[in-house]
Protein backbone atom coordinates (compact mmCIF):
# COMPACT_ATOMS: atom_id res chain seq x y z
CA MET A 1 -20.65 118.93 30.71
CA ARG A 2 -20.13 117.15 27.39
CA THR A 3 -17.44 118.75 25.23
CA ALA A 4 -16.32 118.05 21.64
CA ILE A 5 -12.79 119.02 20.62
CA ILE A 6 -11.71 119.25 16.98
CA GLY A 7 -8.08 118.23 16.58
CA THR A 8 -5.88 115.78 18.47
CA GLY A 9 -2.59 117.65 18.38
CA ILE A 10 -0.98 119.12 21.48
CA ALA A 11 -3.58 121.93 21.63
CA GLY A 12 -6.54 119.56 21.39
CA LEU A 13 -5.14 116.91 23.71
CA GLY A 14 -3.91 119.50 26.20
CA THR A 15 -7.36 121.08 26.30
CA ALA A 16 -8.98 117.64 26.66
CA HIS A 17 -6.60 116.82 29.52
CA PHE A 18 -7.59 119.83 31.59
CA LEU A 19 -11.31 119.63 30.78
CA HIS A 20 -11.40 115.94 31.67
CA ARG A 21 -9.65 116.70 34.93
CA ALA A 22 -12.32 119.32 35.64
CA GLY A 23 -15.03 116.70 35.19
CA ASP A 24 -16.12 117.20 31.58
CA GLU A 25 -17.04 114.28 29.33
CA VAL A 26 -14.69 114.88 26.40
CA THR A 27 -14.82 113.57 22.82
CA CYS A 28 -11.95 114.38 20.43
CA PHE A 29 -12.21 114.38 16.64
CA GLY A 30 -9.16 114.29 14.36
CA PRO A 31 -8.27 113.58 10.71
CA GLU A 32 -5.93 110.67 11.48
CA ASP A 33 -6.55 107.22 12.94
CA TYR A 34 -4.21 108.01 15.84
CA PRO A 35 -4.02 110.87 18.37
CA GLY A 36 -1.09 113.23 18.45
CA GLY A 37 -1.37 115.44 15.39
CA HIS A 38 2.12 116.69 14.50
CA SER A 39 3.57 114.27 17.06
CA ASN A 40 4.32 110.89 15.52
CA THR A 41 6.87 108.34 16.70
CA VAL A 42 7.93 105.41 14.52
CA GLU A 43 10.46 102.69 15.26
CA ALA A 44 13.59 101.95 13.25
CA ILE A 45 15.70 98.85 13.83
CA GLU A 46 19.34 99.56 14.62
CA PRO A 47 21.62 97.53 12.32
CA GLY A 48 23.75 95.01 14.16
CA THR A 49 21.87 95.12 17.45
CA GLY A 50 18.27 94.69 16.33
CA ARG A 51 17.32 97.31 18.91
CA ALA A 52 14.17 99.33 18.19
CA LEU A 53 14.91 103.06 18.12
CA PRO A 54 12.07 105.60 18.52
CA ILE A 55 12.21 108.20 15.73
CA ASP A 56 10.03 111.30 15.76
CA THR A 57 8.84 112.41 12.31
CA GLY A 58 7.08 115.57 13.51
CA PHE A 59 7.54 117.25 16.88
CA MET A 60 11.14 116.68 17.98
CA VAL A 61 12.57 119.39 20.22
CA PHE A 62 11.59 122.22 22.55
CA ASN A 63 13.25 124.66 24.93
CA ARG A 64 12.19 125.96 28.32
CA VAL A 65 12.26 129.62 27.28
CA THR A 66 9.91 129.54 24.29
CA TYR A 67 7.64 126.72 25.49
CA PRO A 68 6.83 127.44 29.16
CA HIS A 69 3.26 126.06 29.07
CA LEU A 70 4.36 122.87 27.33
CA CYS A 71 7.10 122.40 29.92
CA ARG A 72 4.63 122.79 32.78
CA LEU A 73 2.38 120.19 31.15
CA PHE A 74 5.32 117.80 30.72
CA ASP A 75 6.32 118.29 34.35
CA GLU A 76 2.76 117.59 35.50
CA LEU A 77 2.56 114.42 33.40
CA LYS A 78 6.07 113.35 34.45
CA VAL A 79 7.12 112.99 30.82
CA PRO A 80 10.72 111.68 30.56
CA LEU A 81 12.98 114.34 29.05
CA LYS A 82 16.62 114.60 28.01
CA ARG A 83 18.94 117.22 26.56
CA THR A 84 19.52 117.04 22.83
CA ASP A 85 21.41 118.69 20.00
CA MET A 86 19.85 121.28 17.71
CA SER A 87 22.24 121.84 14.83
CA PHE A 88 22.01 122.97 11.21
CA ALA A 89 23.98 121.75 8.20
CA VAL A 90 23.73 122.24 4.45
CA LYS A 91 25.00 120.27 1.47
CA ASP A 92 24.55 121.74 -1.99
CA ALA A 93 24.32 118.86 -4.47
CA ASP A 94 25.18 121.10 -7.44
CA THR A 95 28.44 122.56 -6.10
CA GLY A 96 29.40 120.02 -3.43
CA LEU A 97 29.54 122.79 -0.81
CA GLU A 98 29.02 121.56 2.74
CA TRP A 99 28.92 123.47 5.99
CA CYS A 100 27.49 123.23 9.48
CA GLY A 101 26.86 125.97 12.00
CA SER A 102 27.55 124.08 15.23
CA SER A 103 31.21 125.11 15.59
CA LEU A 104 34.02 126.93 13.80
CA ASN A 105 35.54 123.59 12.85
CA HIS A 106 32.27 122.41 11.32
CA LEU A 107 31.69 125.77 9.66
CA PHE A 108 34.91 125.27 7.73
CA ALA A 109 34.70 121.48 7.50
CA GLN A 110 35.77 121.95 3.90
CA ARG A 111 39.03 123.80 4.53
CA LYS A 112 39.01 125.31 1.05
CA ASN A 113 36.14 127.51 2.18
CA LEU A 114 38.57 129.41 4.40
CA PHE A 115 39.89 130.93 1.17
CA SER A 116 36.60 131.19 -0.72
CA PRO A 117 35.45 134.82 -1.14
CA ARG A 118 32.01 133.52 -2.12
CA PHE A 119 31.62 131.51 1.07
CA ILE A 120 32.94 134.34 3.25
CA ARG A 121 30.48 136.76 1.62
CA MET A 122 27.64 134.41 2.49
CA LEU A 123 28.73 134.25 6.14
CA LEU A 124 28.96 138.04 6.28
CA ALA A 125 25.47 138.24 4.80
CA VAL A 126 24.18 135.88 7.50
CA ASN A 127 25.71 138.09 10.18
CA ARG A 128 24.21 141.23 8.62
CA PHE A 129 20.82 139.54 8.28
CA ASN A 130 20.84 138.63 11.98
CA LYS A 131 21.53 142.21 13.03
CA GLU A 132 19.06 143.76 10.61
CA ALA A 133 16.35 141.24 11.46
CA VAL A 134 16.56 142.16 15.15
CA ALA A 135 16.36 145.85 14.23
CA ALA A 136 13.41 145.27 11.87
CA LEU A 137 11.43 143.49 14.57
CA LYS A 138 11.43 146.65 16.66
CA ASP A 139 8.98 148.09 14.14
CA ASP A 140 6.61 145.31 13.03
CA ALA A 141 4.36 147.85 11.33
CA ALA A 142 7.14 148.76 8.90
CA LEU A 143 7.44 145.12 7.85
CA GLY A 144 3.72 144.94 7.20
CA ARG A 145 2.91 142.05 4.90
CA GLU A 146 6.32 142.01 3.24
CA SER A 147 7.29 138.54 2.03
CA LEU A 148 10.53 136.89 3.03
CA ALA A 149 11.79 137.08 -0.56
CA ASP A 150 11.10 140.83 -0.72
CA PHE A 151 12.83 141.38 2.63
CA VAL A 152 15.94 139.59 1.34
CA ARG A 153 15.98 141.24 -2.10
CA ARG A 154 15.47 144.74 -0.72
CA ARG A 155 18.52 144.36 1.48
CA GLY A 156 20.72 142.62 -1.08
CA TYR A 157 21.91 139.61 0.91
CA GLY A 158 22.61 137.66 -2.27
CA GLU A 159 21.56 134.36 -3.83
CA ASP A 160 24.01 132.22 -1.84
CA PHE A 161 22.60 133.57 1.41
CA TRP A 162 19.10 132.69 0.17
CA ASN A 163 19.90 129.25 -1.29
CA LEU A 164 22.57 128.02 1.12
CA TYR A 165 21.28 129.42 4.40
CA LEU A 166 17.87 131.05 4.72
CA VAL A 167 15.74 128.71 2.60
CA PRO A 168 17.21 125.46 4.00
CA MET A 169 17.06 126.79 7.56
CA SER A 170 13.57 128.28 7.44
CA SER A 171 11.93 125.47 5.47
CA ALA A 172 13.39 122.93 7.90
CA VAL A 173 12.24 124.58 11.11
CA TRP A 174 8.84 125.58 9.67
CA SER A 175 8.25 122.22 7.91
CA THR A 176 7.49 124.07 4.68
CA PRO A 177 8.51 123.17 1.09
CA PRO A 178 11.52 125.33 0.09
CA GLU A 179 9.73 126.79 -2.94
CA LYS A 180 7.01 128.22 -0.70
CA MET A 181 9.38 130.13 1.56
CA MET A 182 9.57 133.02 -0.93
CA GLU A 183 5.96 133.92 -0.13
CA PHE A 184 6.30 133.45 3.63
CA PRO A 185 5.57 136.57 5.75
CA ALA A 186 8.90 138.07 6.77
CA SER A 187 7.59 139.29 10.13
CA SER A 188 6.42 135.79 11.15
CA LEU A 189 9.71 134.11 10.29
CA LEU A 190 11.90 136.80 11.82
CA ARG A 191 9.87 136.69 15.04
CA PHE A 192 10.19 132.90 15.12
CA PHE A 193 13.97 133.08 14.59
CA HIS A 194 14.30 135.73 17.29
CA ASN A 195 12.17 133.85 19.83
CA HIS A 196 14.18 130.67 19.31
CA GLY A 197 17.57 132.36 19.53
CA PHE A 198 18.54 131.85 15.88
CA LEU A 199 19.65 135.43 15.23
CA GLY A 200 23.08 135.31 16.83
CA LEU A 201 26.16 133.23 17.52
CA HIS A 202 25.53 132.77 21.24
CA THR A 203 21.78 133.29 21.55
CA GLN A 204 20.41 129.75 21.21
CA HIS A 205 18.55 128.19 24.10
CA PRO A 206 19.34 124.71 25.48
CA TRP A 207 17.22 122.18 23.61
CA TRP A 208 15.33 119.21 25.01
CA THR A 209 13.49 116.20 23.59
CA VAL A 210 11.12 113.57 24.94
CA ASP A 211 13.01 110.44 25.96
CA GLY A 212 11.36 107.60 24.05
CA GLY A 213 9.76 109.86 21.48
CA SER A 214 6.77 112.19 21.49
CA ARG A 215 4.47 109.17 21.83
CA GLU A 216 5.41 109.19 25.53
CA TYR A 217 3.55 112.42 26.23
CA VAL A 218 0.66 111.47 23.92
CA LYS A 219 0.18 108.21 25.86
CA ARG A 220 0.05 110.11 29.13
CA LEU A 221 -2.46 112.64 27.80
CA VAL A 222 -4.92 110.06 26.45
CA ALA A 223 -4.53 107.51 29.26
CA PRO A 224 -7.48 108.83 31.34
CA PHE A 225 -9.93 108.85 28.42
């Protein structure tokens, strides 16, 4: 059978991989002049050593809980994997505030924040948001088409929570411009946060990355074609 596939991201290439293995003659069409879609590895030269370092500009990390099918595909293709860090940090250029969520020490990297009521209120708002988000997800129908901005305003988490936590965090993981996060569906983002273990202090999953960059799995997928 001859099959045409629109898109050369992981969905398109994964489909092509299995159809080709089943004996189909596969042709893939994509908007770029390279396969991979969101996966794109570029090389940066390390100062001092001249060593080429693979840098992923799109797909970077995954975990074995949320991505079981991807993991099975990687195992089948013998894609080289390694554990990696998945951390979050914010620097506000206007106020100079900096914080990172990876540890208590990093959370209060600026020691003055230990005595900042404003900063403490933001942290309390984050904790309340996590609890209320989990509760809200038990009734998706109640969320309906509520936007993320409406969800936050209705519960009064405050501007610092919005500007110094939720917008930077959500726009980073969803690869979305910060100004567009206000219109984002609350149910979609809350579900994403919950599935990836973002709604708690000790709920995150171990994170992995492709050793050598995402190009390593793209090469293996297109090799038979």
